[in-house]
C-alpha atoms as a PDB file:
ATOM      1  CA  UNK A   1      24.599   0.143 -79.208  1.00  0.00           C
ATOM      2  CA  UNK A   2      26.702   3.253 -79.583  1.00  0.00           C
ATOM      3  CA  UNK A   3      25.087   6.009 -81.579  1.00  0.00           C
ATOM      4  CA  UNK A   4      26.627   8.572 -83.857  1.00  0.00           C
ATOM      5  CA  UNK A   5      27.495  11.764 -81.920  1.00  0.00           C
ATOM      6  CA  UNK A   6      24.856  14.390 -82.304  1.00  0.00           C
ATOM      7  CA  UNK A   7      27.200  17.365 -81.995  1.00  0.00           C
ATOM      8  CA  UNK A   8      30.772  18.294 -82.700  1.00  0.00           C
ATOM      9  CA  UNK A   9      30.982  22.023 -83.310  1.00  0.00           C
ATOM     10  CA  UNK A  10      31.606  24.757 -80.722  1.00  0.00           C
ATOM     11  CA  UNK A  11      28.028  25.930 -81.266  1.00  0.00           C
ATOM     12  CA  UNK A  12      26.816  22.441 -80.491  1.00  0.00           C
ATOM     13  CA  UNK A  13      28.984  22.346 -77.379  1.00  0.00           C
ATOM     14  CA  UNK A  14      27.283  25.470 -76.087  1.00  0.00           C
ATOM     15  CA  UNK A  15      23.912  23.780 -76.565  1.00  0.00           C
ATOM     16  CA  UNK A  16      25.017  20.572 -74.845  1.00  0.00           C
ATOM     17  CA  UNK A  17      23.855  21.571 -71.373  1.00  0.00           C
ATOM     18  CA  UNK A  18      20.266  22.084 -72.494  1.00  0.00           C
ATOM     19  CA  UNK A  19      20.343  18.842 -74.477  1.00  0.00           C
ATOM     20  CA  UNK A  20      21.451  16.752 -71.518  1.00  0.00           C
ATOM     21  CA  UNK A  21      19.325  18.449 -68.882  1.00  0.00           C
ATOM     22  CA  UNK A  22      16.132  17.688 -70.816  1.00  0.00           C
ATOM     23  CA  UNK A  23      15.947  14.086 -69.492  1.00  0.00           C
ATOM     24  CA  UNK A  24      16.169  15.434 -65.945  1.00  0.00           C
ATOM     25  CA  UNK A  25      13.180  17.696 -66.494  1.00  0.00           C
ATOM     26  CA  UNK A  26      11.169  14.861 -68.027  1.00  0.00           C
ATOM     27  CA  UNK A  27      12.166  12.486 -65.241  1.00  0.00           C
ATOM     28  CA  UNK A  28      11.089  14.957 -62.579  1.00  0.00           C
ATOM     29  CA  UNK A  29       7.737  15.458 -64.298  1.00  0.00           C
ATOM     30  CA  UNK A  30       7.092  11.719 -64.498  1.00  0.00           C
ATOM     31  CA  UNK A  31       8.005  11.204 -60.854  1.00  0.00           C
ATOM     32  CA  UNK A  32       5.788  14.059 -59.762  1.00  0.00           C
ATOM     33  CA  UNK A  33       2.869  12.379 -61.522  1.00  0.00           C
ATOM     34  CA  UNK A  34       3.262   9.112 -59.623  1.00  0.00           C
ATOM     35  CA  UNK A  35       0.684   8.496 -56.915  1.00  0.00           C
ATOM     36  CA  UNK A  36       0.306   5.973 -54.122  1.00  0.00           C
ATOM     37  CA  UNK A  37       3.063   5.367 -51.641  1.00  0.00           C
ATOM     38  CA  UNK A  38       5.953   6.147 -53.984  1.00  0.00           C
ATOM     39  CA  UNK A  39       8.313   9.034 -53.288  1.00  0.00           C
ATOM     40  CA  UNK A  40      10.284  11.172 -55.683  1.00  0.00           C
ATOM     41  CA  UNK A  41      13.947  10.302 -56.127  1.00  0.00           C
ATOM     42  CA  UNK A  42      15.949  13.515 -56.261  1.00  0.00           C
ATOM     43  CA  UNK A  43      18.826  13.542 -58.749  1.00  0.00           C
ATOM     44  CA  UNK A  44      22.256  13.576 -57.143  1.00  0.00           C
ATOM     45  CA  UNK A  45      23.452  17.163 -56.781  1.00  0.00           C
ATOM     46  CA  UNK A  46      27.078  17.234 -55.598  1.00  0.00           C
ATOM     47  CA  UNK A  47      28.745  20.164 -53.922  1.00  0.00           C
ATOM     48  CA  UNK A  48      32.172  19.253 -55.346  1.00  0.00           C
ATOM     49  CA  UNK A  49      33.656  17.400 -58.305  1.00  0.00           C
ATOM     50  CA  UNK A  50      36.893  15.580 -57.485  1.00  0.00           C
ATOM     51  CA  UNK A  51      38.909  14.475 -60.523  1.00  0.00           C
ATOM     52  CA  UNK A  52      41.324  11.545 -60.202  1.00  0.00           C
ATOM     53  CA  UNK A  53      43.435   9.691 -62.725  1.00  0.00           C
ATOM     54  CA  UNK A  54      46.268  10.455 -65.115  1.00  0.00           C
ATOM     55  CA  UNK A  55      47.058  13.306 -67.487  1.00  0.00           C
ATOM     56  CA  UNK A  56      43.939  12.697 -69.572  1.00  0.00           C
ATOM     57  CA  UNK A  57      42.108  14.488 -66.736  1.00  0.00           C
ATOM     58  CA  UNK A  58      44.697  17.204 -66.051  1.00  0.00           C
ATOM     59  CA  UNK A  59      44.385  20.887 -66.941  1.00  0.00           C
ATOM     60  CA  UNK A  60      47.599  22.846 -66.487  1.00  0.00           C
ATOM     61  CA  UNK A  61      47.678  26.195 -64.684  1.00  0.00           C
ATOM     62  CA  UNK A  62      47.782  27.961 -68.068  1.00  0.00           C
ATOM     63  CA  UNK A  63      44.561  26.215 -69.134  1.00  0.00           C
ATOM     64  CA  UNK A  64      46.214  23.789 -71.537  1.00  0.00           C
ATOM     65  CA  UNK A  65      45.162  20.161 -71.685  1.00  0.00           C
ATOM     66  CA  UNK A  66      46.714  16.846 -72.673  1.00  0.00           C
ATOM     67  CA  UNK A  67      44.856  16.880 -75.959  1.00  0.00           C
ATOM     68  CA  UNK A  68      44.524  19.486 -78.720  1.00  0.00           C
ATOM     69  CA  UNK A  69      44.458  23.053 -77.447  1.00  0.00           C
ATOM     70  CA  UNK A  70      42.366  25.319 -79.647  1.00  0.00           C
ATOM     71  CA  UNK A  71      43.824  28.819 -79.415  1.00  0.00           C
ATOM     72  CA  UNK A  72      41.820  30.466 -82.186  1.00  0.00           C
ATOM     73  CA  UNK A  73      39.488  32.162 -79.713  1.00  0.00           C
ATOM     74  CA  UNK A  74      40.228  35.896 -79.672  1.00  0.00           C
ATOM     75  CA  UNK A  75      39.449  35.987 -75.953  1.00  0.00           C
ATOM     76  CA  UNK A  76      42.533  34.332 -74.475  1.00  0.00           C
ATOM     77  CA  UNK A  77      40.889  33.543 -71.131  1.00  0.00           C
ATOM     78  CA  UNK A  78      38.131  31.589 -72.902  1.00  0.00           C
ATOM     79  CA  UNK A  79      40.429  29.335 -74.910  1.00  0.00           C
ATOM     80  CA  UNK A  80      40.516  26.637 -72.253  1.00  0.00           C
ATOM     81  CA  UNK A  81      36.742  26.253 -72.661  1.00  0.00           C
ATOM     82  CA  UNK A  82      37.086  25.252 -76.304  1.00  0.00           C
ATOM     83  CA  UNK A  83      37.431  21.531 -77.116  1.00  0.00           C
ATOM     84  CA  UNK A  84      36.488  20.466 -73.551  1.00  0.00           C
ATOM     85  CA  UNK A  85      37.880  17.346 -71.940  1.00  0.00           C
ATOM     86  CA  UNK A  86      35.756  14.561 -70.465  1.00  0.00           C
ATOM     87  CA  UNK A  87      35.992  15.964 -66.955  1.00  0.00           C
ATOM     88  CA  UNK A  88      35.246  19.499 -68.117  1.00  0.00           C
ATOM     89  CA  UNK A  89      31.995  18.180 -69.581  1.00  0.00           C
ATOM     90  CA  UNK A  90      31.118  16.508 -66.274  1.00  0.00           C
ATOM     91  CA  UNK A  91      31.882  19.756 -64.443  1.00  0.00           C
ATOM     92  CA  UNK A  92      29.666  21.682 -66.883  1.00  0.00           C
ATOM     93  CA  UNK A  93      26.775  19.338 -66.124  1.00  0.00           C
ATOM     94  CA  UNK A  94      26.831  20.530 -62.513  1.00  0.00           C
ATOM     95  CA  UNK A  95      27.642  24.151 -63.309  1.00  0.00           C
ATOM     96  CA  UNK A  96      31.131  23.815 -61.808  1.00  0.00           C
ATOM     97  CA  UNK A  97      34.421  25.320 -62.951  1.00  0.00           C
ATOM     98  CA  UNK A  98      38.055  24.390 -62.372  1.00  0.00           C
ATOM     99  CA  UNK A  99      40.529  26.895 -61.005  1.00  0.00           C
ATOM    100  CA  UNK A 100      42.690  26.133 -64.071  1.00  0.00           C
ATOM    101  CA  UNK A 101      39.900  27.176 -66.482  1.00  0.00           C
ATOM    102  CA  UNK A 102      37.856  29.925 -64.904  1.00  0.00           C
ATOM    103  CA  UNK A 103      37.511  32.954 -67.204  1.00  0.00           C
ATOM    104  CA  UNK A 104      34.600  34.439 -65.225  1.00  0.00           C
ATOM    105  CA  UNK A 105      36.303  34.224 -61.837  1.00  0.00           C
ATOM    106  CA  UNK A 106      33.631  31.987 -60.318  1.00  0.00           C
ATOM    107  CA  UNK A 107      34.262  30.057 -57.107  1.00  0.00           C
ATOM    108  CA  UNK A 108      35.847  26.747 -58.229  1.00  0.00           C
ATOM    109  CA  UNK A 109      33.913  23.651 -57.225  1.00  0.00           C
ATOM    110  CA  UNK A 110      35.786  21.170 -59.414  1.00  0.00           C
ATOM    111  CA  UNK A 111      39.237  20.072 -58.253  1.00  0.00           C
ATOM    112  CA  UNK A 112      41.931  18.168 -60.115  1.00  0.00           C
ATOM    113  CA  UNK A 113      43.836  15.573 -58.115  1.00  0.00           C
ATOM    114  CA  UNK A 114      44.823  13.583 -61.213  1.00  0.00           C
ATOM    115  CA  UNK A 115      48.574  13.428 -61.780  1.00  0.00           C
ATOM    116  CA  UNK A 116      50.680  13.551 -64.930  1.00  0.00           C
ATOM    117  CA  UNK A 117      52.183  10.120 -65.602  1.00  0.00           C
ATOM    118  CA  UNK A 118      50.046   8.498 -62.898  1.00  0.00           C
ATOM    119  CA  UNK A 119      50.041   4.734 -62.574  1.00  0.00           C
ATOM    120  CA  UNK A 120      47.510   2.939 -60.405  1.00  0.00           C
ATOM    121  CA  UNK A 121      49.724   1.819 -57.551  1.00  0.00           C
ATOM    122  CA  UNK A 122      52.549   4.318 -57.792  1.00  0.00           C
ATOM    123  CA  UNK A 123      53.201   5.651 -54.267  1.00  0.00           C
ATOM    124  CA  UNK A 124      53.685   9.224 -55.481  1.00  0.00           C
ATOM    125  CA  UNK A 125      51.124   9.509 -58.287  1.00  0.00           C
ATOM    126  CA  UNK A 126      48.699   6.603 -57.848  1.00  0.00           C
ATOM    127  CA  UNK A 127      45.114   6.563 -56.660  1.00  0.00           C
ATOM    128  CA  UNK A 128      45.975   6.099 -52.984  1.00  0.00           C
ATOM    129  CA  UNK A 129      48.135   9.240 -53.063  1.00  0.00           C
ATOM    130  CA  UNK A 130      45.424  11.158 -54.912  1.00  0.00           C
ATOM    131  CA  UNK A 131      42.740  10.105 -52.442  1.00  0.00           C
ATOM    132  CA  UNK A 132      44.975  11.097 -49.522  1.00  0.00           C
ATOM    133  CA  UNK A 133      45.206  14.587 -50.979  1.00  0.00           C
ATOM    134  CA  UNK A 134      41.447  15.187 -50.837  1.00  0.00           C
ATOM    135  CA  UNK A 135      40.007  16.884 -47.799  1.00  0.00           C
ATOM    136  CA  UNK A 136      37.113  14.958 -46.211  1.00  0.00           C
ATOM    137  CA  UNK A 137      35.568  12.974 -49.053  1.00  0.00           C
ATOM    138  CA  UNK A 138      31.883  12.390 -48.366  1.00  0.00           C
ATOM    139  CA  UNK A 139      28.311  12.035 -49.597  1.00  0.00           C
ATOM    140  CA  UNK A 140      28.264  15.459 -51.267  1.00  0.00           C
ATOM    141  CA  UNK A 141      31.139  14.616 -53.630  1.00  0.00           C
ATOM    142  CA  UNK A 142      31.164  13.302 -57.185  1.00  0.00           C
ATOM    143  CA  UNK A 143      34.479  11.668 -58.109  1.00  0.00           C
ATOM    144  CA  UNK A 144      35.681  10.849 -61.621  1.00  0.00           C
ATOM    145  CA  UNK A 145      38.399   8.253 -62.181  1.00  0.00           C
ATOM    146  CA  UNK A 146      40.239   7.485 -65.427  1.00  0.00           C
ATOM    147  CA  UNK A 147      43.583   5.758 -64.979  1.00  0.00           C
ATOM    148  CA  UNK A 148      45.463   2.777 -66.389  1.00  0.00           C
ATOM    149  CA  UNK A 149      46.922   3.757 -69.765  1.00  0.00           C
ATOM    150  CA  UNK A 150      50.373   4.417 -68.313  1.00  0.00           C
ATOM    151  CA  UNK A 151      50.245   1.060 -66.519  1.00  0.00           C
ATOM    152  CA  UNK A 152      49.462  -0.775 -69.741  1.00  0.00           C
ATOM    153  CA  UNK A 153      52.322   0.899 -71.601  1.00  0.00           C
ATOM    154  CA  UNK A 154      54.724   0.234 -68.713  1.00  0.00           C
ATOM    155  CA  UNK A 155      53.816  -3.463 -68.668  1.00  0.00           C
ATOM    156  CA  UNK A 156      54.161  -3.743 -72.446  1.00  0.00           C
ATOM    157  CA  UNK A 157      57.583  -2.089 -72.377  1.00  0.00           C
ATOM    158  CA  UNK A 158      58.683  -4.453 -69.607  1.00  0.00           C
ATOM    159  CA  UNK A 159      57.816  -7.399 -71.855  1.00  0.00           C
ATOM    160  CA  UNK A 160      59.725  -5.786 -74.731  1.00  0.00           C
ATOM    161  CA  UNK A 161      62.711  -5.286 -72.438  1.00  0.00           C
ATOM    162  CA  UNK A 162      62.573  -8.932 -71.389  1.00  0.00           C
ATOM    163  CA  UNK A 163      62.136  -8.219 -67.676  1.00  0.00           C
ATOM    164  CA  UNK A 164      58.757  -9.991 -67.517  1.00  0.00           C
ATOM    165  CA  UNK A 165      56.934 -12.500 -69.714  1.00  0.00           C
ATOM    166  CA  UNK A 166      53.701 -11.917 -71.597  1.00  0.00           C
ATOM    167  CA  UNK A 167      51.779 -14.066 -69.108  1.00  0.00           C
ATOM    168  CA  UNK A 168      53.264 -12.168 -66.175  1.00  0.00           C
ATOM    169  CA  UNK A 169      52.261  -8.872 -67.795  1.00  0.00           C
ATOM    170  CA  UNK A 170      48.674 -10.083 -68.200  1.00  0.00           C
ATOM    171  CA  UNK A 171      48.557 -11.138 -64.546  1.00  0.00           C
ATOM    172  CA  UNK A 172      49.955  -7.763 -63.494  1.00  0.00           C
ATOM    173  CA  UNK A 173      47.378  -5.929 -65.611  1.00  0.00           C
ATOM    174  CA  UNK A 174      44.630  -7.802 -63.800  1.00  0.00           C
ATOM    175  CA  UNK A 175      46.275  -7.087 -60.448  1.00  0.00           C
ATOM    176  CA  UNK A 176      46.405  -3.369 -61.218  1.00  0.00           C
ATOM    177  CA  UNK A 177      42.752  -3.458 -62.217  1.00  0.00           C
ATOM    178  CA  UNK A 178      41.989  -4.948 -58.796  1.00  0.00           C
ATOM    179  CA  UNK A 179      44.106  -2.308 -57.092  1.00  0.00           C
ATOM    180  CA  UNK A 180      42.263   0.487 -58.892  1.00  0.00           C
ATOM    181  CA  UNK A 181      38.927  -1.113 -58.007  1.00  0.00           C
ATOM    182  CA  UNK A 182      39.916  -1.373 -54.333  1.00  0.00           C
ATOM    183  CA  UNK A 183      40.824   2.321 -54.216  1.00  0.00           C
ATOM    184  CA  UNK A 184      37.552   3.289 -55.927  1.00  0.00           C
ATOM    185  CA  UNK A 185      35.696   1.084 -53.436  1.00  0.00           C
ATOM    186  CA  UNK A 186      37.418   3.027 -50.642  1.00  0.00           C
ATOM    187  CA  UNK A 187      36.124   6.258 -52.185  1.00  0.00           C
ATOM    188  CA  UNK A 188      32.602   4.844 -52.279  1.00  0.00           C
ATOM    189  CA  UNK A 189      32.890   3.807 -48.633  1.00  0.00           C
ATOM    190  CA  UNK A 190      33.041   7.515 -47.713  1.00  0.00           C
ATOM    191  CA  UNK A 191      29.587   8.000 -49.224  1.00  0.00           C
ATOM    192  CA  UNK A 192      30.924   9.790 -52.310  1.00  0.00           C
ATOM    193  CA  UNK A 193      29.547   8.891 -55.733  1.00  0.00           C
ATOM    194  CA  UNK A 194      31.802   8.069 -58.676  1.00  0.00           C
ATOM    195  CA  UNK A 195      31.992   7.934 -62.445  1.00  0.00           C
ATOM    196  CA  UNK A 196      34.558   5.346 -63.500  1.00  0.00           C
ATOM    197  CA  UNK A 197      35.954   5.456 -67.025  1.00  0.00           C
ATOM    198  CA  UNK A 198      37.567   2.434 -68.622  1.00  0.00           C
ATOM    199  CA  UNK A 199      40.740   3.232 -70.570  1.00  0.00           C
ATOM    200  CA  UNK A 200      40.856   3.089 -74.372  1.00  0.00           C
ATOM    201  CA  UNK A 201      42.371   0.038 -76.025  1.00  0.00           C
ATOM    202  CA  UNK A 202      46.043   1.041 -76.271  1.00  0.00           C
ATOM    203  CA  UNK A 203      46.366  -1.518 -79.050  1.00  0.00           C
ATOM    204  CA  UNK A 204      44.378   0.893 -81.234  1.00  0.00           C
ATOM    205  CA  UNK A 205      46.566   3.913 -80.428  1.00  0.00           C
ATOM    206  CA  UNK A 206      49.335   5.607 -82.422  1.00  0.00           C
ATOM    207  CA  UNK A 207      51.701   4.269 -79.747  1.00  0.00           C
ATOM    208  CA  UNK A 208      50.785   0.775 -80.941  1.00  0.00           C
ATOM    209  CA  UNK A 209      51.209   1.819 -84.582  1.00  0.00           C
ATOM    210  CA  UNK A 210      54.766   2.931 -83.867  1.00  0.00           C
ATOM    211  CA  UNK A 211      55.570  -0.098 -81.709  1.00  0.00           C
ATOM    212  CA  UNK A 212      54.288  -2.458 -84.388  1.00  0.00           C
ATOM    213  CA  UNK A 213      57.032  -1.350 -86.766  1.00  0.00           C
ATOM    214  CA  UNK A 214      59.571  -3.177 -84.596  1.00  0.00           C
ATOM    215  CA  UNK A 215      57.298  -5.645 -82.807  1.00  0.00           C
ATOM    216  CA  UNK A 216      54.612  -7.513 -84.789  1.00  0.00           C
ATOM    217  CA  UNK A 217      53.006  -8.614 -81.517  1.00  0.00           C
ATOM    218  CA  UNK A 218      52.638  -5.093 -80.123  1.00  0.00           C
ATOM    219  CA  UNK A 219      48.984  -4.509 -81.000  1.00  0.00           C
ATOM    220  CA  UNK A 220      47.918  -7.919 -79.741  1.00  0.00           C
ATOM    221  CA  UNK A 221      49.676  -7.587 -76.389  1.00  0.00           C
ATOM    222  CA  UNK A 222      48.586  -3.978 -75.835  1.00  0.00           C
ATOM    223  CA  UNK A 223      45.006  -5.007 -76.633  1.00  0.00           C
ATOM    224  CA  UNK A 224      45.116  -7.940 -74.219  1.00  0.00           C
ATOM    225  CA  UNK A 225      46.610  -5.822 -71.431  1.00  0.00           C
ATOM    226  CA  UNK A 226      43.921  -3.169 -71.947  1.00  0.00           C
ATOM    227  CA  UNK A 227      41.147  -5.770 -72.068  1.00  0.00           C
ATOM    228  CA  UNK A 228      42.234  -7.586 -68.903  1.00  0.00           C
ATOM    229  CA  UNK A 229      42.859  -4.395 -66.959  1.00  0.00           C
ATOM    230  CA  UNK A 230      39.450  -2.961 -67.886  1.00  0.00           C
ATOM    231  CA  UNK A 231      37.640  -6.222 -67.310  1.00  0.00           C
ATOM    232  CA  UNK A 232      39.090  -6.691 -63.831  1.00  0.00           C
ATOM    233  CA  UNK A 233      38.509  -3.044 -62.904  1.00  0.00           C
ATOM    234  CA  UNK A 234      34.847  -2.984 -63.866  1.00  0.00           C
ATOM    235  CA  UNK A 235      33.969  -6.270 -62.143  1.00  0.00           C
ATOM    236  CA  UNK A 236      35.850  -5.680 -58.883  1.00  0.00           C
ATOM    237  CA  UNK A 237      34.398  -2.405 -57.573  1.00  0.00           C
ATOM    238  CA  UNK A 238      32.284  -2.798 -54.424  1.00  0.00           C
ATOM    239  CA  UNK A 239      29.444  -2.313 -53.936  1.00  0.00           C
ATOM    240  CA  UNK A 240      28.364  -3.380 -57.413  1.00  0.00           C
ATOM    241  CA  UNK A 241      25.444  -0.984 -57.306  1.00  0.00           C
ATOM    242  CA  UNK A 242      24.432   1.765 -59.727  1.00  0.00           C
ATOM    243  CA  UNK A 243      23.196   3.869 -56.829  1.00  0.00           C
ATOM    244  CA  UNK A 244      26.807   4.583 -55.910  1.00  0.00           C
ATOM    245  CA  UNK A 245      28.814   4.639 -59.134  1.00  0.00           C
ATOM    246  CA  UNK A 246      28.420   4.659 -62.876  1.00  0.00           C
ATOM    247  CA  UNK A 247      30.577   2.910 -65.480  1.00  0.00           C
ATOM    248  CA  UNK A 248      31.589   4.855 -68.596  1.00  0.00           C
ATOM    249  CA  UNK A 249      32.842   2.572 -71.364  1.00  0.00           C
ATOM    250  CA  UNK A 250      35.504   4.773 -72.927  1.00  0.00           C
ATOM    251  CA  UNK A 251      37.079   1.727 -74.584  1.00  0.00           C
ATOM    252  CA  UNK A 252      33.834   0.928 -76.405  1.00  0.00           C
ATOM    253  CA  UNK A 253      33.442   4.564 -77.472  1.00  0.00           C
ATOM    254  CA  UNK A 254      36.921   4.642 -79.005  1.00  0.00           C
ATOM    255  CA  UNK A 255      36.453   1.220 -80.616  1.00  0.00           C
ATOM    256  CA  UNK A 256      33.284   2.489 -82.294  1.00  0.00           C
ATOM    257  CA  UNK A 257      35.209   5.368 -83.889  1.00  0.00           C
ATOM    258  CA  UNK A 258      37.920   2.980 -85.085  1.00  0.00           C
ATOM    259  CA  UNK A 259      35.297   0.655 -86.577  1.00  0.00           C
ATOM    260  CA  UNK A 260      33.420   3.432 -88.410  1.00  0.00           C
ATOM    261  CA  UNK A 261      35.562   6.572 -88.631  1.00  0.00           C
ATOM    262  CA  UNK A 262      33.295   8.451 -91.036  1.00  0.00           C
ATOM    263  CA  UNK A 263      30.385   8.134 -88.604  1.00  0.00           C
ATOM    264  CA  UNK A 264      32.218  10.182 -85.992  1.00  0.00           C
ATOM    265  CA  UNK A 265      35.056  12.095 -87.627  1.00  0.00           C
ATOM    266  CA  UNK A 266      35.130  14.728 -90.336  1.00  0.00           C
ATOM    267  CA  UNK A 267      36.943  13.969 -93.578  1.00  0.00           C
ATOM    268  CA  UNK A 268      39.659  12.962 -94.053  1.00  0.00           C
ATOM    269  CA  UNK A 269      39.182  10.802 -90.956  1.00  0.00           C
ATOM    270  CA  UNK A 270      42.237   9.339 -89.251  1.00  0.00           C
ATOM    271  CA  UNK A 271      42.281   6.832 -86.378  1.00  0.00           C
ATOM    272  CA  UNK A 272      45.889   5.625 -86.501  1.00  0.00           C
ATOM    273  CA  UNK A 273      48.192   8.672 -86.493  1.00  0.00           C
ATOM    274  CA  UNK A 274      48.685  11.326 -83.824  1.00  0.00           C
ATOM    275  CA  UNK A 275      47.471  14.756 -84.922  1.00  0.00           C
ATOM    276  CA  UNK A 276      50.162  16.634 -83.008  1.00  0.00           C
ATOM    277  CA  UNK A 277      53.762  17.152 -84.021  1.00  0.00           C
ATOM    278  CA  UNK A 278      54.894  18.711 -80.741  1.00  0.00           C
ATOM    279  CA  UNK A 279      56.978  16.516 -78.472  1.00  0.00           C
ATOM    280  CA  UNK A 280      55.144  17.869 -75.435  1.00  0.00           C
ATOM    281  CA  UNK A 281      51.420  17.230 -75.712  1.00  0.00           C
ATOM    282  CA  UNK A 282      50.448  20.413 -73.860  1.00  0.00           C
ATOM    283  CA  UNK A 283      52.212  22.314 -76.659  1.00  0.00           C
ATOM    284  CA  UNK A 284      49.789  20.767 -79.146  1.00  0.00           C
ATOM    285  CA  UNK A 285      47.877  23.795 -80.426  1.00  0.00           C
ATOM    286  CA  UNK A 286      45.789  24.879 -83.361  1.00  0.00           C
ATOM    287  CA  UNK A 287      45.998  28.624 -83.985  1.00  0.00           C
ATOM    288  CA  UNK A 288      44.565  31.163 -86.393  1.00  0.00           C
ATOM    289  CA  UNK A 289      48.040  31.417 -87.892  1.00  0.00           C
ATOM    290  CA  UNK A 290      48.664  28.181 -89.768  1.00  0.00           C
ATOM    291  CA  UNK A 291      52.403  28.694 -89.461  1.00  0.00           C
ATOM    292  CA  UNK A 292      52.262  28.286 -85.687  1.00  0.00           C
ATOM    293  CA  UNK A 293      49.761  25.410 -85.609  1.00  0.00           C
ATOM    294  CA  UNK A 294      51.457  22.250 -84.338  1.00  0.00           C
ATOM    295  CA  UNK A 295      49.275  19.703 -86.142  1.00  0.00           C
ATOM    296  CA  UNK A 296      50.281  17.424 -88.993  1.00  0.00           C
ATOM    297  CA  UNK A 297      49.166  18.487 -92.459  1.00  0.00           C
ATOM    298  CA  UNK A 298      45.436  17.933 -92.885  1.00  0.00           C
ATOM    299  CA  UNK A 299      44.714  17.460 -89.190  1.00  0.00           C
ATOM    300  CA  UNK A 300      41.896  19.435 -87.574  1.00  0.00           C
ATOM    301  CA  UNK A 301      40.168  19.269 -84.230  1.00  0.00           C
ATOM    302  CA  UNK A 302      37.365  17.110 -85.627  1.00  0.00           C
ATOM    303  CA  UNK A 303      38.997  14.608 -87.995  1.00  0.00           C
ATOM    304  CA  UNK A 304      41.690  12.878 -85.903  1.00  0.00           C
ATOM    305  CA  UNK A 305      40.833  10.409 -83.142  1.00  0.00           C
ATOM    306  CA  UNK A 306      44.174  10.801 -81.353  1.00  0.00           C
ATOM    307  CA  UNK A 307      45.966  13.998 -80.362  1.00  0.00           C
ATOM    308  CA  UNK A 308      49.176  12.225 -79.305  1.00  0.00           C
ATOM    309  CA  UNK A 309      50.570   8.710 -79.330  1.00  0.00           C
ATOM    310  CA  UNK A 310      48.388   7.798 -76.338  1.00  0.00           C
ATOM    311  CA  UNK A 311      46.254  10.915 -75.857  1.00  0.00           C
ATOM    312  CA  UNK A 312      42.736  11.244 -77.217  1.00  0.00           C
ATOM    313  CA  UNK A 313      41.661  14.173 -79.368  1.00  0.00           C
ATOM    314  CA  UNK A 314      38.636  16.468 -78.970  1.00  0.00           C
ATOM    315  CA  UNK A 315      36.083  14.229 -80.708  1.00  0.00           C
ATOM    316  CA  UNK A 316      36.883  11.300 -78.406  1.00  0.00           C
ATOM    317  CA  UNK A 317      36.821  13.515 -75.316  1.00  0.00           C
ATOM    318  CA  UNK A 318      33.480  14.918 -76.414  1.00  0.00           C
ATOM    319  CA  UNK A 319      31.961  11.515 -77.131  1.00  0.00           C
ATOM    320  CA  UNK A 320      33.126  10.004 -73.827  1.00  0.00           C
ATOM    321  CA  UNK A 321      32.071  13.194 -72.054  1.00  0.00           C
ATOM    322  CA  UNK A 322      28.565  12.732 -73.443  1.00  0.00           C
ATOM    323  CA  UNK A 323      28.512   9.176 -72.087  1.00  0.00           C
ATOM    324  CA  UNK A 324      29.719  10.382 -68.682  1.00  0.00           C
ATOM    325  CA  UNK A 325      27.031  13.046 -68.538  1.00  0.00           C
ATOM    326  CA  UNK A 326      24.397  10.506 -69.504  1.00  0.00           C
ATOM    327  CA  UNK A 327      25.573   8.076 -66.840  1.00  0.00           C
ATOM    328  CA  UNK A 328      25.586  10.841 -64.217  1.00  0.00           C
ATOM    329  CA  UNK A 329      22.001  11.801 -65.008  1.00  0.00           C
ATOM    330  CA  UNK A 330      20.520   8.354 -65.636  1.00  0.00           C
ATOM    331  CA  UNK A 331      22.131   6.237 -62.919  1.00  0.00           C
ATOM    332  CA  UNK A 332      20.103   6.371 -59.679  1.00  0.00           C
ATOM    333  CA  UNK A 333      23.025   8.016 -57.874  1.00  0.00           C
END
């Protein structure tokens, strides 16, 4: 059962590392106390974090993300640390930084291979192309993968355009789930470990809200495409073994917020409308000067589920990031 997030504020974010490392300390103590012929299982300690997927995992060279960008921090270089994305939270767990968000000038050990607009099988942006761009994947690597939202929207729009039927779109969603699983399985075959995120139900997104105005079947089809893609993805990765990869149920996390907004979001909570007014999501900013803030009236970083029509806001990134950190520390990777 999903639990209410324990933390949402920047102060809480700074305390997150200590909160999540506590289970590791306890686990080590318990293992050390075991006698007999048992041996201690060391937690997986990667030397690199490799990030794959679509724009939900991208940080631009200027530090901006495909979510809300909080630019109220007086120290410009530190702004990219505020309202962290899912993959930033995974990087923080290992003490890694990205080149695109590195205010202290540390040696980057987290690398973004995710592509803007990526679809699973696209020859230029898909997972195969992203994997090919990584130098010597191996047992010292942790890989995160979150991809599929753009596929689901593409398939839906093909049905709307009349180029494929609903049933064909469902079959294609399953096929793309299998393709993603096959590519993740290829990553695991190198000895690398992986955290695999399902994609949120696009039928619950602002994109679906807008589409529903002209198409009463939009939410239903977008939900079914999301469900079948996620279901095929999560059941097709080989080996099906928690020693090699962990599943992060981002769709369940988002569904929990939709079901009980006040349990996760500040008031007035909103789960149906995009917080950002900017056409380009990386221009979505909240500033100290209200006149230059590009959010709709009443929107804040902690009360809207969605930043854009298909892009999650800070609360969702934080919640899913917590789940990813928990999976990374509790799976026997």
